[in-house]
Amino acid sequence: MGRKGEISKNMIIENINKVLLMNDIMVRINTSWYRLEEVGPIGHKRFPIAVSNKDGKEFEFDMADVDEFDPILETFNNMDEHMMGVA
């Protein structure tokens, strides 16, 4: 990917993280629900995410580990599988 593509990808990640600061987006990983705190940076075969539980303890997973997004969040329902990964 060229420099222009890297800048664009970084801007997208930054904008997503700004949205996450202002909104409580919940994700289910296995049987537990977590608040999505931060995403990225996207690496080779890797899309790390930072999440926290109801007690505020933080964990790191990969976006492919997400089994479900909060159903109220329609934005992610149609995201490209190649970008999200297949859980």
Protein backbone atom coordinates (compact mmCIF):
# COMPACT_ATOMS: atom_id res chain seq x y z
CA MET A 1 0.00 0.00 0.00
CA GLY A 2 1.31 3.39 -0.93
CA ARG A 3 1.76 6.35 1.36
CA LYS A 4 -1.62 7.82 0.36
CA GLY A 5 -3.36 4.55 1.32
CA GLU A 6 -1.57 4.47 4.69
CA ILE A 7 -2.62 8.03 5.48
CA SER A 8 -6.21 7.26 4.53
CA LYS A 9 -6.25 4.09 6.65
CA ASN A 10 -4.78 5.96 9.61
CA MET A 11 -7.37 8.73 9.28
CA ILE A 12 -10.18 6.17 9.26
CA ILE A 13 -8.83 4.54 12.44
CA GLU A 14 -8.45 7.94 14.12
CA ASN A 15 -12.03 8.88 13.23
CA ILE A 16 -13.40 5.56 14.50
CA ASN A 17 -11.55 6.05 17.77
CA LYS A 18 -13.02 9.56 18.12
CA VAL A 19 -16.50 8.07 17.72
CA LEU A 20 -15.69 5.42 20.33
CA LEU A 21 -14.67 8.12 22.84
CA MET A 22 -18.12 9.67 22.63
CA ASN A 23 -20.23 6.49 22.41
CA ASP A 24 -20.62 3.26 24.33
CA ILE A 25 -20.26 0.62 21.64
CA MET A 26 -20.62 -2.87 23.06
CA VAL A 27 -19.17 -6.05 21.55
CA ARG A 28 -19.65 -9.66 22.55
CA ILE A 29 -16.59 -11.89 22.63
CA ASN A 30 -17.45 -15.48 23.52
CA THR A 31 -20.11 -15.09 26.22
CA SER A 32 -18.98 -11.73 27.62
CA TRP A 33 -19.98 -8.20 26.61
CA TYR A 34 -17.29 -5.49 26.57
CA ARG A 35 -17.17 -1.78 25.79
CA LEU A 36 -15.14 -1.15 22.65
CA GLU A 37 -12.52 1.40 23.70
CA GLU A 38 -10.15 1.65 20.73
CA VAL A 39 -9.31 0.00 17.41
CA GLY A 40 -6.10 -0.40 15.43
CA PRO A 41 -3.60 0.04 14.13
CA ILE A 42 -4.32 -2.50 11.43
CA GLY A 43 -1.33 -4.73 10.75
CA HIS A 44 -0.59 -7.71 8.55
CA LYS A 45 -3.40 -10.19 9.32
CA ARG A 46 -4.11 -8.31 12.54
CA PHE A 47 -6.73 -5.77 13.66
CA PRO A 48 -6.27 -5.22 17.40
CA ILE A 49 -9.02 -3.78 19.56
CA ALA A 50 -8.99 -2.60 23.16
CA VAL A 51 -12.08 -3.39 25.23
CA SER A 52 -13.10 -3.04 28.87
CA ASN A 53 -15.47 -4.98 31.08
CA LYS A 54 -18.10 -3.52 33.41
CA ASP A 55 -15.47 -3.17 36.16
CA GLY A 56 -13.22 -1.09 33.90
CA LYS A 57 -10.56 -3.78 33.43
CA GLU A 58 -9.05 -3.52 29.95
CA PHE A 59 -8.28 -6.36 27.54
CA GLU A 60 -6.88 -6.63 24.03
CA PHE A 61 -8.41 -8.85 21.36
CA ASP A 62 -8.45 -8.99 17.59
CA MET A 63 -11.47 -7.70 15.65
CA ALA A 64 -11.92 -11.26 14.35
CA ASP A 65 -12.66 -12.35 17.96
CA VAL A 66 -15.85 -10.24 18.03
CA ASP A 67 -18.91 -12.48 17.80
CA GLU A 68 -21.52 -9.72 17.88
CA PHE A 69 -21.82 -5.95 17.96
CA ASP A 70 -24.48 -4.29 20.07
CA PRO A 71 -27.64 -4.81 17.98
CA ILE A 72 -28.52 -1.13 18.34
CA LEU A 73 -25.46 -0.29 16.25
CA GLU A 74 -26.60 -0.75 12.65
CA THR A 75 -23.46 0.85 11.18
CA PHE A 76 -21.36 -2.28 11.55
CA ASN A 77 -23.96 -4.72 10.23
CA ASN A 78 -22.92 -4.23 6.61
CA MET A 79 -19.16 -3.88 7.06
CA ASP A 80 -16.96 -5.79 4.68
CA GLU A 81 -15.93 -9.21 6.08
CA HIS A 82 -12.41 -8.71 4.74
CA MET A 83 -12.02 -5.57 6.84
CA MET A 84 -13.63 -7.05 9.95
CA GLY A 85 -12.38 -10.60 9.74
CA VAL A 86 -14.53 -13.65 10.10
CA ALA A 87 -15.09 -14.78 13.68
